PDB file of N, CA and C in Angstrom:
ATOM      1  N   UNK A   1      28.241   4.481  21.024  1.00  0.00           N
ATOM      2  CA  UNK A   1      27.849   5.666  20.540  1.00  0.00           C
ATOM      3  C   UNK A   1      26.308   5.572  20.206  1.00  0.00           C
ATOM      4  N   UNK A   2      25.254   6.448  20.925  1.00  0.00           N
ATOM      5  CA  UNK A   2      23.785   6.327  20.382  1.00  0.00           C
ATOM      6  C   UNK A   2      23.389   6.773  18.952  1.00  0.00           C
ATOM      7  N   UNK A   3      22.647   6.412  18.191  1.00  0.00           N
ATOM      8  CA  UNK A   3      22.722   7.092  16.766  1.00  0.00           C
ATOM      9  C   UNK A   3      21.733   7.906  17.048  1.00  0.00           C
ATOM     10  N   UNK A   4      21.628   8.977  16.101  1.00  0.00           N
ATOM     11  CA  UNK A   4      20.935  10.181  16.255  1.00  0.00           C
ATOM     12  C   UNK A   4      19.453   9.823  16.111  1.00  0.00           C
ATOM     13  N   UNK A   5      18.463  10.631  16.204  1.00  0.00           N
ATOM     14  CA  UNK A   5      16.764  10.108  16.163  1.00  0.00           C
ATOM     15  C   UNK A   5      16.840  10.070  15.206  1.00  0.00           C
ATOM     16  N   UNK A   6      17.517  10.988  13.582  1.00  0.00           N
ATOM     17  CA  UNK A   6      17.355  10.678  12.348  1.00  0.00           C
ATOM     18  C   UNK A   6      17.264   9.049  11.943  1.00  0.00           C
ATOM     19  N   UNK A   7      18.456   9.042  12.304  1.00  0.00           N
ATOM     20  CA  UNK A   7      19.143   7.666  12.028  1.00  0.00           C
ATOM     21  C   UNK A   7      18.289   6.239  12.178  1.00  0.00           C
ATOM     22  N   UNK A   8      18.004   6.916  13.784  1.00  0.00           N
ATOM     23  CA  UNK A   8      16.746   5.900  14.464  1.00  0.00           C
ATOM     24  C   UNK A   8      15.919   5.545  13.669  1.00  0.00           C
ATOM     25  N   UNK A   9      14.958   6.616  13.312  1.00  0.00           N
ATOM     26  CA  UNK A   9      13.666   6.764  12.734  1.00  0.00           C
ATOM     27  C   UNK A   9      14.002   6.164  11.211  1.00  0.00           C
ATOM     28  N   UNK A  10      15.015   6.130  10.270  1.00  0.00           N
ATOM     29  CA  UNK A  10      14.986   5.991   9.056  1.00  0.00           C
ATOM     30  C   UNK A  10      15.424   4.362   9.026  1.00  0.00           C
ATOM     31  N   UNK A  11      16.283   3.837  10.345  1.00  0.00           N
ATOM     32  CA  UNK A  11      16.208   2.409  10.532  1.00  0.00           C
ATOM     33  C   UNK A  11      14.754   1.683  10.880  1.00  0.00           C
ATOM     34  N   UNK A  12      13.996   2.605  11.673  1.00  0.00           N
ATOM     35  CA  UNK A  12      12.745   2.116  11.848  1.00  0.00           C
ATOM     36  C   UNK A  12      11.921   2.277  10.753  1.00  0.00           C
ATOM     37  N   UNK A  13      12.076   3.242  10.054  1.00  0.00           N
ATOM     38  CA  UNK A  13      11.196   3.053   8.752  1.00  0.00           C
ATOM     39  C   UNK A  13      11.523   1.909   7.741  1.00  0.00           C
ATOM     40  N   UNK A  14      12.882   1.496   7.780  1.00  0.00           N
ATOM     41  CA  UNK A  14      13.286   0.608   6.597  1.00  0.00           C
ATOM     42  C   UNK A  14      12.713  -0.875   7.173  1.00  0.00           C
ATOM     43  N   UNK A  15      12.976  -0.991   8.571  1.00  0.00           N
ATOM     44  CA  UNK A  15      12.154  -2.547   9.013  1.00  0.00           C
ATOM     45  C   UNK A  15      10.835  -2.313   8.763  1.00  0.00           C
ATOM     46  N   UNK A  16      10.422  -1.266   8.895  1.00  0.00           N
ATOM     47  CA  UNK A  16       8.512  -0.895   9.164  1.00  0.00           C
ATOM     48  C   UNK A  16       8.493  -1.665   7.347  1.00  0.00           C
ATOM     49  N   UNK A  17       8.954  -1.064   6.332  1.00  0.00           N
ATOM     50  CA  UNK A  17       8.921  -0.902   4.967  1.00  0.00           C
ATOM     51  C   UNK A  17       9.300  -2.521   4.640  1.00  0.00           C
ATOM     52  N   UNK A  18      10.288  -3.023   5.124  1.00  0.00           N
ATOM     53  CA  UNK A  18      10.513  -4.714   4.790  1.00  0.00           C
ATOM     54  C   UNK A  18       9.079  -5.182   5.122  1.00  0.00           C
ATOM     55  N   UNK A  19       8.848  -5.218   6.449  1.00  0.00           N
ATOM     56  CA  UNK A  19       7.636  -5.979   6.750  1.00  0.00           C
ATOM     57  C   UNK A  19       6.172  -5.690   6.252  1.00  0.00           C
ATOM     58  N   UNK A  20       5.987  -4.506   5.795  1.00  0.00           N
ATOM     59  CA  UNK A  20       4.590  -4.499   5.133  1.00  0.00           C
ATOM     60  C   UNK A  20       5.061  -4.749   3.336  1.00  0.00           C
ATOM     61  N   UNK A  21       6.333  -4.309   3.196  1.00  0.00           N
ATOM     62  CA  UNK A  21       6.340  -5.301   1.540  1.00  0.00           C
ATOM     63  C   UNK A  21       6.131  -6.840   1.347  1.00  0.00           C
ATOM     64  N   UNK A  22       6.535  -7.511   2.582  1.00  0.00           N
ATOM     65  CA  UNK A  22       6.625  -8.784   2.562  1.00  0.00           C
ATOM     66  C   UNK A  22       5.058  -9.129   2.561  1.00  0.00           C
ATOM     67  N   UNK A  23       4.086  -8.340   2.787  1.00  0.00           N
ATOM     68  CA  UNK A  23       2.846  -9.307   2.534  1.00  0.00           C
ATOM     69  C   UNK A  23       2.282  -9.162   1.435  1.00  0.00           C
ATOM     70  N   UNK A  24       1.711 -10.590   1.219  1.00  0.00           N
ATOM     71  CA  UNK A  24       1.331 -10.796  -0.059  1.00  0.00           C
ATOM     72  C   UNK A  24       0.314 -10.321  -1.052  1.00  0.00           C
ATOM     73  N   UNK A  25      -0.341  -9.215  -0.480  1.00  0.00           N
ATOM     74  CA  UNK A  25      -1.224  -8.232  -0.838  1.00  0.00           C
ATOM     75  C   UNK A  25      -0.664  -7.020  -0.941  1.00  0.00           C
ATOM     76  N   UNK A  26       0.579  -6.879  -0.384  1.00  0.00           N
ATOM     77  CA  UNK A  26       1.371  -5.295  -1.324  1.00  0.00           C
ATOM     78  C   UNK A  26       2.116  -5.513  -2.185  1.00  0.00           C
ATOM     79  N   UNK A  27       1.880  -4.933  -3.223  1.00  0.00           N
ATOM     80  CA  UNK A  27       2.783  -4.658  -4.476  1.00  0.00           C
ATOM     81  C   UNK A  27       4.009  -3.980  -3.831  1.00  0.00           C
ATOM     82  N   UNK A  28       3.693  -2.772  -3.611  1.00  0.00           N
ATOM     83  CA  UNK A  28       5.010  -1.906  -3.241  1.00  0.00           C
ATOM     84  C   UNK A  28       4.578  -0.908  -2.077  1.00  0.00           C
ATOM     85  N   UNK A  29       5.312   0.030  -1.819  1.00  0.00           N
ATOM     86  CA  UNK A  29       5.301   1.306  -0.994  1.00  0.00           C
ATOM     87  C   UNK A  29       5.231   2.517  -2.061  1.00  0.00           C
ATOM     88  N   UNK A  30       4.298   3.167  -1.581  1.00  0.00           N
ATOM     89  CA  UNK A  30       4.119   4.464  -2.383  1.00  0.00           C
ATOM     90  C   UNK A  30       4.343   5.748  -1.608  1.00  0.00           C
ATOM     91  N   UNK A  31       5.196   6.946  -2.031  1.00  0.00           N
ATOM     92  CA  UNK A  31       5.459   7.854  -1.537  1.00  0.00           C
ATOM     93  C   UNK A  31       4.149   9.024  -1.741  1.00  0.00           C
ATOM     94  N   UNK A  32       3.253   8.813  -2.131  1.00  0.00           N
ATOM     95  CA  UNK A  32       1.936   9.676  -2.571  1.00  0.00           C
ATOM     96  C   UNK A  32       2.299  10.584  -3.534  1.00  0.00           C
ATOM     97  N   UNK A  33       1.139  11.068  -4.046  1.00  0.00           N
ATOM     98  CA  UNK A  33       1.135  12.151  -5.011  1.00  0.00           C
ATOM     99  C   UNK A  33       2.420  13.066  -5.159  1.00  0.00           C
ATOM    100  N   UNK A  34       2.810  13.968  -4.141  1.00  0.00           N
ATOM    101  CA  UNK A  34       3.857  14.578  -3.856  1.00  0.00           C
ATOM    102  C   UNK A  34       4.887  14.160  -3.032  1.00  0.00           C
ATOM    103  N   UNK A  35       5.341  13.008  -3.125  1.00  0.00           N
ATOM    104  CA  UNK A  35       6.022  12.441  -2.620  1.00  0.00           C
ATOM    105  C   UNK A  35       6.583  12.666  -0.810  1.00  0.00           C
ATOM    106  N   UNK A  36       5.582  12.917  -0.167  1.00  0.00           N
ATOM    107  CA  UNK A  36       5.265  13.191   1.300  1.00  0.00           C
ATOM    108  C   UNK A  36       5.384  12.003   2.112  1.00  0.00           C
ATOM    109  N   UNK A  37       5.216  11.015   1.731  1.00  0.00           N
ATOM    110  CA  UNK A  37       5.080   9.987   2.542  1.00  0.00           C
ATOM    111  C   UNK A  37       6.425   9.159   2.133  1.00  0.00           C
ATOM    112  N   UNK A  38       7.436   9.770   3.346  1.00  0.00           N
ATOM    113  CA  UNK A  38       8.392   9.310   3.279  1.00  0.00           C
ATOM    114  C   UNK A  38       9.533   9.495   4.478  1.00  0.00           C
ATOM    115  N   UNK A  39      10.607   8.612   4.675  1.00  0.00           N
ATOM    116  CA  UNK A  39      11.291   9.572   5.857  1.00  0.00           C
ATOM    117  C   UNK A  39      12.396   9.409   5.069  1.00  0.00           C
ATOM    118  N   UNK A  40      13.396  10.782   5.908  1.00  0.00           N
ATOM    119  CA  UNK A  40      14.370  10.794   4.692  1.00  0.00           C
ATOM    120  C   UNK A  40      15.592  10.906   6.211  1.00  0.00           C
ATOM    121  N   UNK A  41      16.828  10.605   5.594  1.00  0.00           N
ATOM    122  CA  UNK A  41      18.343  10.610   6.104  1.00  0.00           C
ATOM    123  C   UNK A  41      18.990  11.132   5.291  1.00  0.00           C
ATOM    124  N   UNK A  42      20.417  10.915   5.733  1.00  0.00           N
ATOM    125  CA  UNK A  42      21.651  11.692   4.950  1.00  0.00           C
ATOM    126  C   UNK A  42      21.855  10.858   3.884  1.00  0.00           C
ATOM    127  N   UNK A  43      21.362  11.116   2.643  1.00  0.00           N
ATOM    128  CA  UNK A  43      21.828  10.698   1.245  1.00  0.00           C
ATOM    129  C   UNK A  43      20.926   9.609   0.960  1.00  0.00           C
ATOM    130  N   UNK A  44      19.638   9.337   2.157  1.00  0.00           N
ATOM    131  CA  UNK A  44      18.906   8.340   1.793  1.00  0.00           C
ATOM    132  C   UNK A  44      17.539   8.666   1.803  1.00  0.00           C
ATOM    133  N   UNK A  45      16.400   7.799   1.649  1.00  0.00           N
ATOM    134  CA  UNK A  45      15.192   8.109   1.818  1.00  0.00           C
ATOM    135  C   UNK A  45      14.313   6.806   2.122  1.00  0.00           C
ATOM    136  N   UNK A  46      13.257   6.475   2.527  1.00  0.00           N
ATOM    137  CA  UNK A  46      12.346   5.092   2.527  1.00  0.00           C
ATOM    138  C   UNK A  46      10.824   6.022   2.242  1.00  0.00           C
ATOM    139  N   UNK A  47      10.892   5.570   1.034  1.00  0.00           N
ATOM    140  CA  UNK A  47       9.490   5.883   0.550  1.00  0.00           C
ATOM    141  C   UNK A  47       8.254   5.027   0.938  1.00  0.00           C
ATOM    142  N   UNK A  48       7.177   5.866   1.179  1.00  0.00           N
ATOM    143  CA  UNK A  48       6.127   5.090   1.853  1.00  0.00           C
ATOM    144  C   UNK A  48       6.017   4.954   3.088  1.00  0.00           C
ATOM    145  N   UNK A  49       6.809   5.109   3.684  1.00  0.00           N
ATOM    146  CA  UNK A  49       6.672   5.712   5.228  1.00  0.00           C
ATOM    147  C   UNK A  49       7.522   6.655   5.830  1.00  0.00           C
ATOM    148  N   UNK A  50       6.358   7.252   6.808  1.00  0.00           N
ATOM    149  CA  UNK A  50       6.689   8.616   7.388  1.00  0.00           C
ATOM    150  C   UNK A  50       6.248   8.121   8.666  1.00  0.00           C
ATOM    151  N   UNK A  51       7.544   8.747   9.629  1.00  0.00           N
ATOM    152  CA  UNK A  51       6.999   8.591  11.113  1.00  0.00           C
ATOM    153  C   UNK A  51       7.123   9.733  11.721  1.00  0.00           C
ATOM    154  N   UNK A  52       6.545  10.218  12.987  1.00  0.00           N
ATOM    155  CA  UNK A  52       6.852  11.433  13.567  1.00  0.00           C
ATOM    156  C   UNK A  52       6.270  11.136  14.830  1.00  0.00           C
ATOM    157  N   UNK A  53       6.144  12.143  15.491  1.00  0.00           N
ATOM    158  CA  UNK A  53       6.107  12.046  17.004  1.00  0.00           C
ATOM    159  C   UNK A  53       4.581  11.334  17.254  1.00  0.00           C
ATOM    160  N   UNK A  54       3.843  11.505  16.620  1.00  0.00           N
ATOM    161  CA  UNK A  54       1.883  11.457  16.622  1.00  0.00           C
ATOM    162  C   UNK A  54       1.728  10.031  16.233  1.00  0.00           C
ATOM    163  N   UNK A  55       2.255   9.999  14.969  1.00  0.00           N
ATOM    164  CA  UNK A  55       1.806   8.779  14.238  1.00  0.00           C
ATOM    165  C   UNK A  55       3.113   8.097  13.461  1.00  0.00           C
ATOM    166  N   UNK A  56       2.596   6.868  12.784  1.00  0.00           N
ATOM    167  CA  UNK A  56       3.252   6.127  11.548  1.00  0.00           C
ATOM    168  C   UNK A  56       2.357   5.812  10.539  1.00  0.00           C
ATOM    169  N   UNK A  57       2.720   6.779   9.541  1.00  0.00           N
ATOM    170  CA  UNK A  57       1.888   6.690   8.210  1.00  0.00           C
ATOM    171  C   UNK A  57       3.047   5.472   7.190  1.00  0.00           C
ATOM    172  N   UNK A  58       1.501   4.887   6.795  1.00  0.00           N
ATOM    173  CA  UNK A  58       2.279   3.804   5.715  1.00  0.00           C
ATOM    174  C   UNK A  58       1.474   4.175   4.428  1.00  0.00           C
ATOM    175  N   UNK A  59       1.908   4.144   3.505  1.00  0.00           N
ATOM    176  CA  UNK A  59       1.438   4.439   2.031  1.00  0.00           C
ATOM    177  C   UNK A  59       1.811   3.087   0.797  1.00  0.00           C
ATOM    178  N   UNK A  60       0.653   2.410   0.714  1.00  0.00           N
ATOM    179  CA  UNK A  60       0.993   1.147  -0.048  1.00  0.00           C
ATOM    180  C   UNK A  60       0.345   1.256  -1.789  1.00  0.00           C
ATOM    181  N   UNK A  61       0.760   0.043  -2.555  1.00  0.00           N
ATOM    182  CA  UNK A  61      -0.098  -0.118  -3.617  1.00  0.00           C
ATOM    183  C   UNK A  61      -0.574  -1.756  -3.640  1.00  0.00           C
ATOM    184  N   UNK A  62      -1.726  -1.465  -3.344  1.00  0.00           N
ATOM    185  CA  UNK A  62      -2.272  -3.169  -3.157  1.00  0.00           C
ATOM    186  C   UNK A  62      -2.484  -4.049  -4.310  1.00  0.00           C
ATOM    187  N   UNK A  63      -2.575  -5.128  -4.455  1.00  0.00           N
ATOM    188  CA  UNK A  63      -2.979  -6.035  -5.114  1.00  0.00           C
ATOM    189  C   UNK A  63      -4.546  -6.522  -4.917  1.00  0.00           C
ATOM    190  N   UNK A  64      -5.328  -6.297  -5.970  1.00  0.00           N
ATOM    191  CA  UNK A  64      -6.704  -6.561  -5.631  1.00  0.00           C
ATOM    192  C   UNK A  64      -7.124  -7.248  -6.908  1.00  0.00           C
ATOM    193  N   UNK A  65      -6.639  -8.170  -7.389  1.00  0.00           N
ATOM    194  CA  UNK A  65      -6.883  -8.908  -8.817  1.00  0.00           C
ATOM    195  C   UNK A  65      -7.990 -10.097  -8.181  1.00  0.00           C
ATOM    196  N   UNK A  66      -7.909 -10.876  -7.042  1.00  0.00           N
ATOM    197  CA  UNK A  66      -8.517 -11.641  -6.347  1.00  0.00           C
ATOM    198  C   UNK A  66     -10.382 -11.213  -6.563  1.00  0.00           C
ATOM    199  N   UNK A  67     -10.210  -9.746  -5.889  1.00  0.00           N
ATOM    200  CA  UNK A  67     -11.525  -9.155  -5.586  1.00  0.00           C
ATOM    201  C   UNK A  67     -12.038  -8.966  -7.187  1.00  0.00           C
ATOM    202  N   UNK A  68     -11.502  -8.229  -8.038  1.00  0.00           N
ATOM    203  CA  UNK A  68     -12.154  -8.220  -9.526  1.00  0.00           C
ATOM    204  C   UNK A  68     -12.264  -9.165 -10.123  1.00  0.00           C
ATOM    205  N   UNK A  69     -11.489 -10.113  -9.739  1.00  0.00           N
ATOM    206  CA  UNK A  69     -12.202 -11.763 -10.582  1.00  0.00           C
ATOM    207  C   UNK A  69     -13.420 -12.451  -9.644  1.00  0.00           C
ATOM    208  N   UNK A  70     -13.387 -12.548  -8.125  1.00  0.00           N
ATOM    209  CA  UNK A  70     -14.602 -12.964  -7.913  1.00  0.00           C
ATOM    210  C   UNK A  70     -15.805 -12.000  -8.329  1.00  0.00           C
ATOM    211  N   UNK A  71     -15.480 -10.666  -8.312  1.00  0.00           N
ATOM    212  CA  UNK A  71     -16.779  -9.959  -8.767  1.00  0.00           C
ATOM    213  C   UNK A  71     -17.166 -10.253 -10.298  1.00  0.00           C
ATOM    214  N   UNK A  72     -16.412 -10.541 -11.199  1.00  0.00           N
ATOM    215  CA  UNK A  72     -16.033 -10.717 -12.905  1.00  0.00           C
ATOM    216  C   UNK A  72     -17.026 -12.222 -12.607  1.00  0.00           C
ATOM    217  N   UNK A  73     -16.890 -12.804 -12.037  1.00  0.00           N
ATOM    218  CA  UNK A  73     -17.269 -14.491 -11.709  1.00  0.00           C
ATOM    219  C   UNK A  73     -18.843 -14.293 -11.381  1.00  0.00           C
ATOM    220  N   UNK A  74     -19.377 -13.534 -10.577  1.00  0.00           N
ATOM    221  CA  UNK A  74     -20.331 -13.266  -9.713  1.00  0.00           C
ATOM    222  C   UNK A  74     -21.540 -12.786 -11.170  1.00  0.00           C
ATOM    223  N   UNK A  75     -20.910 -11.697 -11.916  1.00  0.00           N
ATOM    224  CA  UNK A  75     -21.401 -11.188 -12.921  1.00  0.00           C
ATOM    225  C   UNK A  75     -21.695 -12.073 -14.021  1.00  0.00           C
ATOM    226  N   UNK A  76     -20.563 -12.812 -14.615  1.00  0.00           N
ATOM    227  CA  UNK A  76     -20.757 -13.785 -15.522  1.00  0.00           C
ATOM    228  C   UNK A  76     -21.730 -15.006 -15.333  1.00  0.00           C
ATOM    229  N   UNK A  77     -21.969 -15.260 -14.026  1.00  0.00           N
ATOM    230  CA  UNK A  77     -22.789 -16.427 -13.345  1.00  0.00           C
ATOM    231  C   UNK A  77     -24.336 -15.915 -13.723  1.00  0.00           C
ATOM    232  N   UNK A  78     -24.522 -14.613 -13.938  1.00  0.00           N
ATOM    233  CA  UNK A  78     -25.792 -13.961 -14.064  1.00  0.00           C
ATOM    234  C   UNK A  78     -26.145 -13.367 -15.206  1.00  0.00           C
ATOM    235  N   UNK A  79     -25.316 -12.932 -16.031  1.00  0.00           N
ATOM    236  CA  UNK A  79     -25.639 -12.593 -17.365  1.00  0.00           C
ATOM    237  C   UNK A  79     -25.261 -13.706 -18.501  1.00  0.00           C
ATOM    238  N   UNK A  80     -26.762 -13.306 -19.487  1.00  0.00           N
ATOM    239  CA  UNK A  80     -26.823 -14.254 -20.704  1.00  0.00           C
ATOM    240  C   UNK A  80     -25.932 -14.625 -21.438  1.00  0.00           C
ATOM    241  N   UNK A  81     -25.205 -13.366 -22.037  1.00  0.00           N
ATOM    242  CA  UNK A  81     -23.969 -13.629 -23.051  1.00  0.00           C
ATOM    243  C   UNK A  81     -23.052 -13.663 -22.386  1.00  0.00           C
ATOM    244  N   UNK A  82     -22.549 -14.878 -22.473  1.00  0.00           N
ATOM    245  CA  UNK A  82     -20.786 -14.913 -21.711  1.00  0.00           C
ATOM    246  C   UNK A  82     -19.918 -14.485 -22.804  1.00  0.00           C
ATOM    247  N   UNK A  83     -19.899 -13.830 -24.342  1.00  0.00           N
ATOM    248  CA  UNK A  83     -19.051 -13.796 -24.972  1.00  0.00           C
ATOM    249  C   UNK A  83     -18.908 -12.298 -24.753  1.00  0.00           C
ATOM    250  N   UNK A  84     -19.629 -11.362 -23.771  1.00  0.00           N
ATOM    251  CA  UNK A  84     -19.027  -9.957 -23.670  1.00  0.00           C
ATOM    252  C   UNK A  84     -17.927 -10.052 -22.359  1.00  0.00           C
ATOM    253  N   UNK A  85     -17.129  -8.630 -22.489  1.00  0.00           N
ATOM    254  CA  UNK A  85     -16.150  -8.573 -21.519  1.00  0.00           C
ATOM    255  C   UNK A  85     -16.788  -8.275 -20.383  1.00  0.00           C
ATOM    256  N   UNK A  86     -16.190  -8.359 -19.245  1.00  0.00           N
ATOM    257  CA  UNK A  86     -16.829  -7.682 -17.727  1.00  0.00           C
ATOM    258  C   UNK A  86     -15.669  -6.869 -17.410  1.00  0.00           C
ATOM    259  N   UNK A  87     -16.092  -5.479 -16.958  1.00  0.00           N
ATOM    260  CA  UNK A  87     -14.972  -4.872 -16.546  1.00  0.00           C
ATOM    261  C   UNK A  87     -15.158  -4.374 -15.183  1.00  0.00           C
ATOM    262  N   UNK A  88     -14.440  -4.695 -14.089  1.00  0.00           N
ATOM    263  CA  UNK A  88     -14.239  -4.464 -13.185  1.00  0.00           C
ATOM    264  C   UNK A  88     -13.390  -3.105 -13.012  1.00  0.00           C
ATOM    265  N   UNK A  89     -14.125  -2.306 -11.828  1.00  0.00           N
ATOM    266  CA  UNK A  89     -13.398  -0.809 -11.850  1.00  0.00           C
ATOM    267  C   UNK A  89     -13.295  -0.948  -9.969  1.00  0.00           C
ATOM    268  N   UNK A  90     -12.109  -0.881  -9.492  1.00  0.00           N
ATOM    269  CA  UNK A  90     -12.457  -1.040  -7.933  1.00  0.00           C
ATOM    270  C   UNK A  90     -12.170   0.790  -7.688  1.00  0.00           C
ATOM    271  N   UNK A  91     -13.389   1.022  -6.968  1.00  0.00           N
ATOM    272  CA  UNK A  91     -13.628   2.863  -7.064  1.00  0.00           C
ATOM    273  C   UNK A  91     -13.034   3.278  -5.732  1.00  0.00           C
ATOM    274  N   UNK A  92     -12.956   2.564  -4.728  1.00  0.00           N
ATOM    275  CA  UNK A  92     -13.093   2.883  -3.260  1.00  0.00           C
ATOM    276  C   UNK A  92     -12.366   1.634  -2.209  1.00  0.00           C
ATOM    277  N   UNK A  93     -11.603   2.089  -1.229  1.00  0.00           N
ATOM    278  CA  UNK A  93     -11.388   0.917  -0.101  1.00  0.00           C
ATOM    279  C   UNK A  93     -12.086   1.629   0.672  1.00  0.00           C
ATOM    280  N   UNK A  94     -12.590   0.430   1.737  1.00  0.00           N
ATOM    281  CA  UNK A  94     -13.648   0.754   2.681  1.00  0.00           C
ATOM    282  C   UNK A  94     -12.498   0.350   4.058  1.00  0.00           C
ATOM    283  N   UNK A  95     -12.709   1.061   4.961  1.00  0.00           N
ATOM    284  CA  UNK A  95     -11.956   0.815   6.077  1.00  0.00           C
ATOM    285  C   UNK A  95     -12.842   0.030   6.947  1.00  0.00           C
ATOM    286  N   UNK A  96     -12.589  -1.528   7.583  1.00  0.00           N
ATOM    287  CA  UNK A  96     -13.957  -2.132   8.284  1.00  0.00           C
ATOM    288  C   UNK A  96     -13.906  -1.637   9.642  1.00  0.00           C
ATOM    289  N   UNK A  97     -13.559  -0.803  10.035  1.00  0.00           N
ATOM    290  CA  UNK A  97     -12.567  -0.314  11.292  1.00  0.00           C
ATOM    291  C   UNK A  97     -13.918   0.877  11.460  1.00  0.00           C
ATOM    292  N   UNK A  98     -14.014   1.452  10.571  1.00  0.00           N
ATOM    293  CA  UNK A  98     -15.099   2.699  10.420  1.00  0.00           C
ATOM    294  C   UNK A  98     -16.308   2.391  10.237  1.00  0.00           C
TER     295      UNK A  98
END
């Protein structure tokens, strides 16, 4: 018996979620502000992965402490007083392909 298309997509979404979640810089999957980035099946959903005919959309929460630490270290190497805290805000993420 062949699975229904929704079941195939949900199974694929679960495999995508597992592969993405295993990446060291990924803290978790995120369904977005309104929960729209998700795949749905009977009584189940996979947050952070949406599959349709045109695209696979993945929404993640990433860990970027190494970037903040690197920036803070660079700032500390320049400032005269090392007694002050260095606050680093990640304001945006750039797509290297654009």
